[in-house]
N, C-alpha and C. Protein backbone atom coordinates (compact mmCIF):
# COMPACT_ATOMS: atom_id res chain seq x y z
N UNK A 1 -14.58 3.37 8.62
CA UNK A 1 -13.60 2.39 7.16
C UNK A 1 -12.47 3.41 6.81
N UNK A 2 -11.73 2.19 6.72
CA UNK A 2 -10.00 2.45 6.00
C UNK A 2 -10.09 2.09 4.70
N UNK A 3 -9.82 4.25 3.89
CA UNK A 3 -9.74 4.07 2.52
C UNK A 3 -8.66 5.03 1.96
N UNK A 4 -8.09 3.59 1.14
CA UNK A 4 -7.15 4.37 0.16
C UNK A 4 -7.78 5.08 -1.04
N UNK A 5 -7.60 6.12 -1.00
CA UNK A 5 -8.19 6.90 -2.24
C UNK A 5 -7.32 6.87 -3.78
N UNK A 6 -7.59 7.20 -4.91
CA UNK A 6 -7.01 7.26 -6.25
C UNK A 6 -5.81 7.57 -6.12
N UNK A 7 -5.96 9.20 -5.37
CA UNK A 7 -4.82 9.79 -5.45
C UNK A 7 -3.69 9.63 -4.32
N UNK A 8 -3.72 8.77 -3.13
CA UNK A 8 -3.10 8.42 -2.51
C UNK A 8 -2.24 6.87 -3.07
N UNK A 9 -3.35 6.64 -4.10
CA UNK A 9 -2.65 5.37 -4.59
C UNK A 9 -1.25 6.12 -5.77
N UNK A 10 -1.97 7.23 -6.18
CA UNK A 10 -0.62 7.62 -7.12
C UNK A 10 0.43 7.97 -6.81
N UNK A 11 0.38 9.06 -5.20
CA UNK A 11 1.35 9.18 -4.67
C UNK A 11 2.02 8.18 -4.25
N UNK A 12 1.40 7.04 -3.75
CA UNK A 12 2.16 6.05 -3.55
C UNK A 12 3.21 4.93 -4.79
N UNK A 13 2.62 5.21 -5.66
CA UNK A 13 3.36 4.85 -6.76
C UNK A 13 4.92 5.79 -7.46
N UNK A 14 4.27 6.87 -6.79
CA UNK A 14 5.40 8.16 -7.22
C UNK A 14 6.97 8.02 -6.17
N UNK A 15 6.37 7.28 -5.22
CA UNK A 15 7.17 7.30 -4.62
C UNK A 15 8.31 5.92 -4.67
N UNK A 16 7.21 4.43 -4.73
CA UNK A 16 7.91 3.48 -5.33
C UNK A 16 8.99 3.94 -6.63
N UNK A 17 8.62 4.88 -7.27
CA UNK A 17 9.35 4.63 -8.58
C UNK A 17 10.39 5.78 -8.52
N UNK A 18 10.01 6.88 -7.63
CA UNK A 18 10.97 7.37 -7.12
C UNK A 18 12.28 6.57 -6.57
N UNK A 19 11.84 5.45 -5.98
CA UNK A 19 12.98 4.68 -4.89
C UNK A 19 13.18 3.55 -5.77
N UNK A 20 12.90 3.61 -7.18
CA UNK A 20 13.59 2.56 -8.51
C UNK A 20 12.86 1.35 -8.04
N UNK A 21 11.98 1.06 -7.31
CA UNK A 21 10.79 -0.18 -7.41
C UNK A 21 10.33 -0.34 -8.20
N UNK A 22 10.43 -1.48 -8.90
CA UNK A 22 9.57 -1.55 -9.92
C UNK A 22 8.35 -2.54 -9.63
N UNK A 23 7.51 -1.96 -8.75
CA UNK A 23 6.18 -2.64 -8.46
C UNK A 23 4.88 -1.01 -8.64
N UNK A 24 4.08 -1.70 -8.57
CA UNK A 24 2.50 -0.62 -8.48
C UNK A 24 1.87 -1.84 -7.87
N UNK A 25 0.91 -0.19 -6.99
CA UNK A 25 -0.30 -0.59 -6.38
C UNK A 25 -1.09 -0.10 -6.98
N UNK A 26 -2.31 -1.05 -6.90
CA UNK A 26 -3.38 -1.02 -7.48
C UNK A 26 -4.76 -1.40 -6.06
N UNK A 27 -5.83 -0.47 -6.37
CA UNK A 27 -7.28 -0.50 -5.78
C UNK A 27 -7.81 -1.65 -5.77
N UNK A 28 -8.42 -2.39 -4.94
CA UNK A 28 -8.92 -3.45 -5.29
C UNK A 28 -10.53 -3.53 -4.93
N UNK A 29 -11.40 -3.67 -6.18
CA UNK A 29 -12.82 -3.01 -6.31
C UNK A 29 -13.03 -1.74 -6.93
N UNK A 30 -12.60 -0.43 -6.92
CA UNK A 30 -12.83 0.50 -7.22
C UNK A 30 -12.40 1.81 -7.00
N UNK A 31 -12.47 2.82 -7.18
CA UNK A 31 -11.95 4.07 -6.93
C UNK A 31 -11.37 4.59 -5.60
N UNK A 32 -11.78 4.17 -4.68
CA UNK A 32 -11.61 3.87 -3.28
C UNK A 32 -11.22 2.48 -3.03
N UNK A 33 -10.59 2.30 -2.04
CA UNK A 33 -10.48 0.83 -1.88
C UNK A 33 -9.78 0.53 -0.14
N UNK A 34 -10.46 -0.22 0.90
CA UNK A 34 -9.85 -0.82 1.92
C UNK A 34 -8.98 -2.14 1.62
N UNK A 35 -8.44 -2.03 0.16
CA UNK A 35 -7.97 -3.30 -0.12
C UNK A 35 -6.96 -3.09 -1.61
N UNK A 36 -5.49 -3.86 -1.67
CA UNK A 36 -4.34 -2.78 -2.20
C UNK A 36 -4.06 -4.27 -2.92
N UNK A 37 -3.89 -4.16 -4.49
CA UNK A 37 -3.19 -5.06 -4.85
C UNK A 37 -1.52 -5.00 -5.29
N UNK A 38 -0.65 -5.51 -5.25
CA UNK A 38 1.03 -5.14 -5.71
C UNK A 38 1.16 -5.66 -6.83
N UNK A 39 1.29 -5.10 -7.91
CA UNK A 39 1.91 -5.70 -9.37
C UNK A 39 3.61 -5.85 -9.25
N UNK A 40 4.33 -6.58 -9.65
CA UNK A 40 5.75 -6.47 -9.84
C UNK A 40 5.71 -5.97 -11.17
N UNK A 41 6.52 -4.92 -11.87
CA UNK A 41 6.56 -4.14 -12.65
C UNK A 41 7.80 -4.66 -13.87
N UNK A 42 9.17 -5.20 -12.53
CA UNK A 42 10.28 -5.35 -13.11
C UNK A 42 10.84 -6.18 -11.98
N UNK A 43 12.21 -5.81 -11.32
CA UNK A 43 13.04 -6.65 -10.99
C UNK A 43 12.33 -6.67 -9.48
N UNK A 44 12.39 -8.07 -8.85
CA UNK A 44 12.02 -8.06 -7.44
C UNK A 44 12.55 -7.32 -6.91
N UNK A 45 11.66 -7.13 -6.06
CA UNK A 45 11.90 -6.20 -4.29
C UNK A 45 11.39 -6.92 -3.43
N UNK A 46 12.18 -6.66 -2.20
CA UNK A 46 12.01 -7.92 -0.33
C UNK A 46 10.10 -6.70 -0.45
N UNK A 47 8.80 -7.57 -0.58
CA UNK A 47 7.83 -7.36 0.01
C UNK A 47 7.82 -5.93 0.86
N UNK A 48 8.56 -6.41 2.06
CA UNK A 48 8.73 -5.58 3.83
C UNK A 48 9.09 -4.58 3.33
N UNK A 49 10.21 -4.41 2.43
CA UNK A 49 10.66 -3.04 1.90
C UNK A 49 9.32 -1.90 1.18
N UNK A 50 8.39 -2.65 0.51
CA UNK A 50 7.68 -1.88 -0.15
C UNK A 50 6.68 -1.68 1.28
N UNK A 51 6.29 -2.79 1.96
CA UNK A 51 5.05 -2.30 3.05
C UNK A 51 5.80 -1.04 4.03
N UNK A 52 6.69 -1.35 4.15
CA UNK A 52 7.55 0.22 4.91
C UNK A 52 7.46 1.13 4.53
N UNK A 53 7.63 1.41 3.40
CA UNK A 53 7.51 2.47 2.23
C UNK A 53 5.82 3.31 1.86
N UNK A 54 5.30 1.98 1.95
CA UNK A 54 3.57 2.41 1.82
C UNK A 54 2.93 2.68 3.18
N UNK A 55 3.44 2.43 4.57
CA UNK A 55 2.93 2.67 5.79
C UNK A 55 3.80 3.95 6.24
N UNK A 56 4.91 4.10 5.76
CA UNK A 56 5.77 5.77 6.48
C UNK A 56 4.74 6.70 5.28
N UNK A 57 4.33 6.53 4.09
CA UNK A 57 3.91 7.23 3.43
C UNK A 57 2.08 7.65 3.88
N UNK A 58 1.25 6.26 4.58
CA UNK A 58 0.08 6.22 4.75
C UNK A 58 0.00 6.91 5.97
N UNK A 59 0.92 7.15 7.33
CA UNK A 59 1.14 7.44 8.40
C UNK A 59 0.28 9.02 8.40
N UNK A 60 0.44 9.52 7.17
CA UNK A 60 0.00 11.32 7.55
C UNK A 60 -1.35 11.01 7.47
N UNK A 61 -2.13 10.08 6.90
CA UNK A 61 -3.35 9.78 7.05
C UNK A 61 -4.08 8.47 8.15
N UNK A 62 -3.12 8.71 8.72
CA UNK A 62 -3.39 7.58 10.08
C UNK A 62 -3.63 6.36 9.60
N UNK A 63 -3.01 5.72 8.87
CA UNK A 63 -3.73 4.55 7.78
C UNK A 63 -2.08 4.04 8.13
N UNK A 64 -2.28 2.29 7.63
CA UNK A 64 -1.32 1.11 7.57
C UNK A 64 -1.73 0.25 6.92
N UNK A 65 -1.16 -0.52 6.29
CA UNK A 65 -0.97 -1.50 5.58
C UNK A 65 -0.42 -2.99 6.20
N UNK A 66 -0.72 -4.10 5.97
CA UNK A 66 -0.42 -5.33 6.25
C UNK A 66 -0.81 -6.08 5.29
N UNK A 67 -0.11 -7.20 5.24
CA UNK A 67 -0.13 -8.34 4.10
C UNK A 67 -1.24 -9.03 5.20
N UNK A 68 -2.21 -9.86 3.61
CA UNK A 68 -3.33 -10.71 4.12
C UNK A 68 -2.90 -12.18 3.96
N UNK A 69 -3.40 -13.08 3.35
CA UNK A 69 -2.96 -14.49 3.79
C UNK A 69 -3.05 -14.98 2.24
N UNK A 70 -3.17 -13.62 1.44
CA UNK A 70 -2.91 -13.44 -0.19
C UNK A 70 -1.76 -13.40 -0.78
N UNK A 71 -0.90 -13.38 -1.38
CA UNK A 71 0.29 -12.91 -1.59
C UNK A 71 0.20 -11.78 -2.35
N UNK A 72 1.09 -10.66 -2.27
CA UNK A 72 0.39 -9.37 -3.08
C UNK A 72 -0.67 -8.75 -2.94
N UNK A 73 -1.54 -8.95 -1.69
CA UNK A 73 -2.61 -8.62 -1.38
C UNK A 73 -2.55 -7.84 0.24
N UNK A 74 -2.85 -6.26 0.17
CA UNK A 74 -2.74 -5.87 1.40
C UNK A 74 -4.22 -5.36 1.78
N UNK A 75 -4.52 -5.04 3.52
CA UNK A 75 -5.02 -5.11 3.69
C UNK A 75 -5.16 -3.46 4.52
N UNK A 76 -6.00 -2.52 4.31
CA UNK A 76 -5.70 -1.36 5.06
C UNK A 76 -6.22 -1.00 6.42
N UNK A 77 -5.60 -0.63 7.56
CA UNK A 77 -6.00 -0.61 8.57
C UNK A 77 -6.14 1.28 9.16
N UNK A 78 -6.68 1.42 10.11
CA UNK A 78 -6.55 2.62 10.96
C UNK A 78 -5.56 2.61 11.83
N UNK A 79 -4.34 3.41 12.07
CA UNK A 79 -3.70 3.38 13.02
C UNK A 79 -4.29 3.69 14.33
N UNK A 80 -5.44 4.17 14.48
CA UNK A 80 -6.76 3.99 15.66
C UNK A 80 -6.47 3.15 16.48
N UNK A 81 -7.11 1.61 15.98
CA UNK A 81 -7.47 0.70 16.38
C UNK A 81 -6.57 -0.30 16.46
N UNK A 82 -5.75 0.26 16.78
CA UNK A 82 -3.92 -0.74 16.91
C UNK A 82 -4.54 -1.43 18.27
N UNK A 83 -4.02 -2.87 18.11
CA UNK A 83 -4.14 -3.22 19.44
C UNK A 83 -2.33 -3.04 20.28
N UNK A 84 -2.90 -2.54 21.48
CA UNK A 84 -1.97 -2.68 22.21
C UNK A 84 -1.02 -3.44 23.23
């Protein structure tokens, strides 16, 4: 199971803030999540930029996110299970 825990969410939100991106990430469901929701807090930003930032941060955990069919919702996946 690919899980982003509360600490990882705090870390990602800190990075977004440091980069001046006025969005925050929230878990879907509980304290540990295999899904994330994006919330706009201020000025608009390209979601692809946010995905790149999240993936850059999550790579140390061998995880990545991808957009789901629902806007602002991301699915967390293992980098071990990538299609080649």
